[in-house]
Amino acid sequence: LDGAFDALRSMPGGVFVLVAIGIGF
């Protein structure tokens, strides 16, 4: 999961997806 989160953060708009997934957890 940590690698997936890092990959998301590096993508355009990925920060918003990452925060949304964090809220999901």
PDB file of all heavy atoms in Angstrom:
ATOM      1  N   LEU A   1       0.813  -1.210   0.000  1.00  0.00           N
ATOM      2  CA  LEU A   1       0.000   0.000   0.000  1.00  0.00           C
ATOM      3  C   LEU A   1       0.848   1.261   0.000  1.00  0.00           C
ATOM      4  O   LEU A   1       0.497   2.258  -0.645  1.00  0.00           O
ATOM      5  CB  LEU A   1      -0.918   0.009   1.234  1.00  0.00           C
ATOM      6  CG  LEU A   1      -2.180  -0.839   1.163  1.00  0.00           C
ATOM      7  CD1 LEU A   1      -2.889  -0.797   2.505  1.00  0.00           C
ATOM      8  CD2 LEU A   1      -3.094  -0.361   0.047  1.00  0.00           C
ATOM      9  N   ASP A   2       1.984   1.236   0.730  1.00  0.00           N
ATOM     10  CA  ASP A   2       2.804   2.442   0.792  1.00  0.00           C
ATOM     11  C   ASP A   2       3.343   2.824  -0.585  1.00  0.00           C
ATOM     12  O   ASP A   2       3.403   3.996  -0.946  1.00  0.00           O
ATOM     13  CB  ASP A   2       3.945   2.284   1.800  1.00  0.00           C
ATOM     14  CG  ASP A   2       4.787   1.056   1.538  1.00  0.00           C
ATOM     15  OD1 ASP A   2       4.326   0.165   0.807  1.00  0.00           O
ATOM     16  OD2 ASP A   2       5.912   0.982   2.067  1.00  0.00           O
ATOM     17  N   GLY A   3       3.730   1.814  -1.380  1.00  0.00           N
ATOM     18  CA  GLY A   3       4.186   2.087  -2.739  1.00  0.00           C
ATOM     19  C   GLY A   3       3.064   2.624  -3.609  1.00  0.00           C
ATOM     20  O   GLY A   3       3.270   3.523  -4.439  1.00  0.00           O
ATOM     21  N   ALA A   4       1.861   2.079  -3.416  1.00  0.00           N
ATOM     22  CA  ALA A   4       0.709   2.567  -4.175  1.00  0.00           C
ATOM     23  C   ALA A   4       0.413   4.020  -3.811  1.00  0.00           C
ATOM     24  O   ALA A   4       0.108   4.843  -4.680  1.00  0.00           O
ATOM     25  CB  ALA A   4      -0.513   1.694  -3.886  1.00  0.00           C
ATOM     26  N   PHE A   5       0.527   4.347  -2.521  1.00  0.00           N
ATOM     27  CA  PHE A   5       0.277   5.720  -2.094  1.00  0.00           C
ATOM     28  C   PHE A   5       1.326   6.671  -2.660  1.00  0.00           C
ATOM     29  O   PHE A   5       1.006   7.783  -3.095  1.00  0.00           O
ATOM     30  CB  PHE A   5       0.273   5.800  -0.567  1.00  0.00           C
ATOM     31  CG  PHE A   5      -0.890   5.088   0.078  1.00  0.00           C
ATOM     32  CD1 PHE A   5      -0.860   4.746   1.419  1.00  0.00           C
ATOM     33  CD2 PHE A   5      -2.020   4.775  -0.653  1.00  0.00           C
ATOM     34  CE1 PHE A   5      -1.927   4.105   2.016  1.00  0.00           C
ATOM     35  CE2 PHE A   5      -3.103   4.124  -0.072  1.00  0.00           C
ATOM     36  CZ  PHE A   5      -3.051   3.793   1.270  1.00  0.00           C
ATOM     37  N   ASP A   6       2.584   6.254  -2.668  1.00  0.00           N
ATOM     38  CA  ASP A   6       3.642   7.088  -3.245  1.00  0.00           C
ATOM     39  C   ASP A   6       3.406   7.307  -4.737  1.00  0.00           C
ATOM     40  O   ASP A   6       3.611   8.408  -5.263  1.00  0.00           O
ATOM     41  CB  ASP A   6       5.006   6.433  -3.031  1.00  0.00           C
ATOM     42  CG  ASP A   6       5.638   6.825  -1.698  1.00  0.00           C
ATOM     43  OD1 ASP A   6       5.217   7.844  -1.129  1.00  0.00           O
ATOM     44  OD2 ASP A   6       6.517   6.096  -1.223  1.00  0.00           O
ATOM     45  N   ALA A   7       2.994   6.218  -5.424  1.00  0.00           N
ATOM     46  CA  ALA A   7       2.729   6.319  -6.860  1.00  0.00           C
ATOM     47  C   ALA A   7       1.583   7.299  -7.125  1.00  0.00           C
ATOM     48  O   ALA A   7       1.643   8.106  -8.057  1.00  0.00           O
ATOM     49  CB  ALA A   7       2.401   4.943  -7.436  1.00  0.00           C
ATOM     50  N   LEU A   8       0.555   7.234  -6.305  1.00  0.00           N
ATOM     51  CA  LEU A   8      -0.572   8.152  -6.469  1.00  0.00           C
ATOM     52  C   LEU A   8      -0.151   9.597  -6.265  1.00  0.00           C
ATOM     53  O   LEU A   8      -0.531  10.491  -7.017  1.00  0.00           O
ATOM     54  CB  LEU A   8      -1.684   7.798  -5.468  1.00  0.00           C
ATOM     55  CG  LEU A   8      -2.654   6.696  -5.862  1.00  0.00           C
ATOM     56  CD1 LEU A   8      -3.594   6.389  -4.714  1.00  0.00           C
ATOM     57  CD2 LEU A   8      -3.438   7.078  -7.108  1.00  0.00           C
ATOM     58  N   ARG A   9       0.659   9.839  -5.231  1.00  0.00           N
ATOM     59  CA  ARG A   9       1.061  11.206  -4.923  1.00  0.00           C
ATOM     60  C   ARG A   9       1.854  11.834  -6.052  1.00  0.00           C
ATOM     61  O   ARG A   9       1.821  13.056  -6.244  1.00  0.00           O
ATOM     62  CB  ARG A   9       1.878  11.235  -3.624  1.00  0.00           C
ATOM     63  CG  ARG A   9       2.092  12.646  -3.107  1.00  0.00           C
ATOM     64  CD  ARG A   9       2.759  12.673  -1.751  1.00  0.00           C
ATOM     65  NE  ARG A   9       4.162  12.285  -1.813  1.00  0.00           N
ATOM     66  CZ  ARG A   9       5.048  12.560  -0.857  1.00  0.00           C
ATOM     67  NH1 ARG A   9       4.660  13.209   0.224  1.00  0.00           N
ATOM     68  NH2 ARG A   9       6.295  12.166  -0.965  1.00  0.00           N
ATOM     69  N   SER A  10       2.563  11.020  -6.815  1.00  0.00           N
ATOM     70  CA  SER A  10       3.409  11.551  -7.888  1.00  0.00           C
ATOM     71  C   SER A  10       2.632  11.808  -9.174  1.00  0.00           C
ATOM     72  O   SER A  10       3.162  12.385 -10.110  1.00  0.00           O
ATOM     73  CB  SER A  10       4.561  10.577  -8.174  1.00  0.00           C
ATOM     74  OG  SER A  10       4.069   9.343  -8.671  1.00  0.00           O
ATOM     75  N   MET A  11       1.376  11.397  -9.231  1.00  0.00           N
ATOM     76  CA  MET A  11       0.563  11.581 -10.435  1.00  0.00           C
ATOM     77  C   MET A  11      -0.193  12.908 -10.376  1.00  0.00           C
ATOM     78  O   MET A  11      -0.499  13.409  -9.286  1.00  0.00           O
ATOM     79  CB  MET A  11      -0.448  10.437 -10.577  1.00  0.00           C
ATOM     80  CG  MET A  11       0.172   9.070 -10.778  1.00  0.00           C
ATOM     81  SD  MET A  11      -1.117   7.789 -10.853  1.00  0.00           S
ATOM     82  CE  MET A  11      -0.105   6.327 -11.037  1.00  0.00           C
ATOM     83  N   PRO A  12      -0.500  13.489 -11.534  1.00  0.00           N
ATOM     84  CA  PRO A  12      -1.314  14.712 -11.552  1.00  0.00           C
ATOM     85  C   PRO A  12      -2.671  14.461 -10.902  1.00  0.00           C
ATOM     86  O   PRO A  12      -3.399  13.548 -11.295  1.00  0.00           O
ATOM     87  CB  PRO A  12      -1.465  15.019 -13.051  1.00  0.00           C
ATOM     88  CG  PRO A  12      -0.296  14.325 -13.694  1.00  0.00           C
ATOM     89  CD  PRO A  12      -0.060  13.085 -12.886  1.00  0.00           C
ATOM     90  N   GLY A  13      -2.994  15.244  -9.920  1.00  0.00           N
ATOM     91  CA  GLY A  13      -4.266  15.064  -9.220  1.00  0.00           C
ATOM     92  C   GLY A  13      -4.285  13.885  -8.277  1.00  0.00           C
ATOM     93  O   GLY A  13      -5.303  13.626  -7.626  1.00  0.00           O
ATOM     94  N   GLY A  14      -3.161  13.174  -8.191  1.00  0.00           N
ATOM     95  CA  GLY A  14      -3.118  11.979  -7.352  1.00  0.00           C
ATOM     96  C   GLY A  14      -3.248  12.273  -5.878  1.00  0.00           C
ATOM     97  O   GLY A  14      -3.707  11.419  -5.110  1.00  0.00           O
ATOM     98  N   VAL A  15      -2.848  13.491  -5.473  1.00  0.00           N
ATOM     99  CA  VAL A  15      -2.944  13.857  -4.056  1.00  0.00           C
ATOM    100  C   VAL A  15      -4.391  13.796  -3.583  1.00  0.00           C
ATOM    101  O   VAL A  15      -4.683  13.315  -2.478  1.00  0.00           O
ATOM    102  CB  VAL A  15      -2.364  15.268  -3.831  1.00  0.00           C
ATOM    103  CG1 VAL A  15      -2.702  15.770  -2.434  1.00  0.00           C
ATOM    104  CG2 VAL A  15      -0.849  15.257  -4.032  1.00  0.00           C
ATOM    105  N   PHE A  16      -5.306  14.261  -4.438  1.00  0.00           N
ATOM    106  CA  PHE A  16      -6.718  14.252  -4.060  1.00  0.00           C
ATOM    107  C   PHE A  16      -7.230  12.822  -3.922  1.00  0.00           C
ATOM    108  O   PHE A  16      -7.998  12.511  -3.009  1.00  0.00           O
ATOM    109  CB  PHE A  16      -7.543  15.023  -5.099  1.00  0.00           C
ATOM    110  CG  PHE A  16      -7.130  16.456  -5.248  1.00  0.00           C
ATOM    111  CD1 PHE A  16      -6.364  16.870  -6.332  1.00  0.00           C
ATOM    112  CD2 PHE A  16      -7.483  17.400  -4.286  1.00  0.00           C
ATOM    113  CE1 PHE A  16      -5.973  18.192  -6.463  1.00  0.00           C
ATOM    114  CE2 PHE A  16      -7.101  18.725  -4.413  1.00  0.00           C
ATOM    115  CZ  PHE A  16      -6.344  19.122  -5.503  1.00  0.00           C
ATOM    116  N   VAL A  17      -6.784  11.948  -4.840  1.00  0.00           N
ATOM    117  CA  VAL A  17      -7.182  10.543  -4.762  1.00  0.00           C
ATOM    118  C   VAL A  17      -6.608   9.911  -3.498  1.00  0.00           C
ATOM    119  O   VAL A  17      -7.285   9.146  -2.795  1.00  0.00           O
ATOM    120  CB  VAL A  17      -6.710   9.768  -6.014  1.00  0.00           C
ATOM    121  CG1 VAL A  17      -7.095   8.291  -5.897  1.00  0.00           C
ATOM    122  CG2 VAL A  17      -7.302  10.373  -7.274  1.00  0.00           C
ATOM    123  N   LEU A  18      -5.344  10.250  -3.195  1.00  0.00           N
ATOM    124  CA  LEU A  18      -4.685   9.697  -2.019  1.00  0.00           C
ATOM    125  C   LEU A  18      -5.407  10.110  -0.740  1.00  0.00           C
ATOM    126  O   LEU A  18      -5.642   9.289   0.149  1.00  0.00           O
ATOM    127  CB  LEU A  18      -3.229  10.154  -1.978  1.00  0.00           C
ATOM    128  CG  LEU A  18      -2.388   9.721  -0.772  1.00  0.00           C
ATOM    129  CD1 LEU A  18      -2.409   8.216  -0.612  1.00  0.00           C
ATOM    130  CD2 LEU A  18      -0.951  10.228  -0.924  1.00  0.00           C
ATOM    131  N   VAL A  19      -5.765  11.372  -0.645  1.00  0.00           N
ATOM    132  CA  VAL A  19      -6.491  11.850   0.537  1.00  0.00           C
ATOM    133  C   VAL A  19      -7.852  11.170   0.631  1.00  0.00           C
ATOM    134  O   VAL A  19      -8.303  10.777   1.722  1.00  0.00           O
ATOM    135  CB  VAL A  19      -6.649  13.384   0.499  1.00  0.00           C
ATOM    136  CG1 VAL A  19      -7.580  13.861   1.616  1.00  0.00           C
ATOM    137  CG2 VAL A  19      -5.291  14.062   0.621  1.00  0.00           C
ATOM    138  N   ALA A  20      -8.507  11.007  -0.533  1.00  0.00           N
ATOM    139  CA  ALA A  20      -9.811  10.331  -0.543  1.00  0.00           C
ATOM    140  C   ALA A  20      -9.678   8.891  -0.057  1.00  0.00           C
ATOM    141  O   ALA A  20     -10.505   8.397   0.727  1.00  0.00           O
ATOM    142  CB  ALA A  20     -10.409  10.357  -1.955  1.00  0.00           C
ATOM    143  N   ILE A  21      -8.620   8.195  -0.494  1.00  0.00           N
ATOM    144  CA  ILE A  21      -8.398   6.819  -0.048  1.00  0.00           C
ATOM    145  C   ILE A  21      -8.106   6.792   1.449  1.00  0.00           C
ATOM    146  O   ILE A  21      -8.575   5.901   2.174  1.00  0.00           O
ATOM    147  CB  ILE A  21      -7.246   6.170  -0.846  1.00  0.00           C
ATOM    148  CG1 ILE A  21      -7.711   5.891  -2.283  1.00  0.00           C
ATOM    149  CG2 ILE A  21      -6.763   4.883  -0.180  1.00  0.00           C
ATOM    150  CD1 ILE A  21      -6.628   5.325  -3.176  1.00  0.00           C
ATOM    151  N   GLY A  22      -7.340   7.793   1.920  1.00  0.00           N
ATOM    152  CA  GLY A  22      -7.087   7.882   3.354  1.00  0.00           C
ATOM    153  C   GLY A  22      -8.384   8.019   4.136  1.00  0.00           C
ATOM    154  O   GLY A  22      -8.584   7.371   5.170  1.00  0.00           O
ATOM    155  N   ILE A  23      -9.285   8.855   3.631  1.00  0.00           N
ATOM    156  CA  ILE A  23     -10.602   9.011   4.263  1.00  0.00           C
ATOM    157  C   ILE A  23     -11.357   7.687   4.226  1.00  0.00           C
ATOM    158  O   ILE A  23     -12.055   7.320   5.181  1.00  0.00           O
ATOM    159  CB  ILE A  23     -11.405  10.123   3.561  1.00  0.00           C
ATOM    160  CG1 ILE A  23     -10.735  11.481   3.808  1.00  0.00           C
ATOM    161  CG2 ILE A  23     -12.854  10.144   4.035  1.00  0.00           C
ATOM    162  CD1 ILE A  23     -11.326  12.622   3.007  1.00  0.00           C
ATOM    163  N   GLY A  24     -11.196   6.950   3.112  1.00  0.00           N
ATOM    164  CA  GLY A  24     -11.838   5.646   3.005  1.00  0.00           C
ATOM    165  C   GLY A  24     -11.351   4.675   4.077  1.00  0.00           C
ATOM    166  O   GLY A  24     -12.145   3.937   4.684  1.00  0.00           O
ATOM    167  N   PHE A  25     -10.045   4.671   4.329  1.00  0.00           N
ATOM    168  CA  PHE A  25      -9.505   3.803   5.380  1.00  0.00           C
ATOM    169  C   PHE A  25      -9.996   4.246   6.756  1.00  0.00           C
ATOM    170  O   PHE A  25     -10.267   3.398   7.625  1.00  0.00           O
ATOM    171  CB  PHE A  25      -7.979   3.789   5.325  1.00  0.00           C
ATOM    172  CG  PHE A  25      -7.421   2.748   4.400  1.00  0.00           C
ATOM    173  CD1 PHE A  25      -7.222   3.021   3.049  1.00  0.00           C
ATOM    174  CD2 PHE A  25      -7.103   1.478   4.868  1.00  0.00           C
ATOM    175  CE1 PHE A  25      -6.712   2.055   2.193  1.00  0.00           C
ATOM    176  CE2 PHE A  25      -6.593   0.508   4.028  1.00  0.00           C
ATOM    177  CZ  PHE A  25      -6.399   0.791   2.681  1.00  0.00           C
TER     178      PHE A  25
END
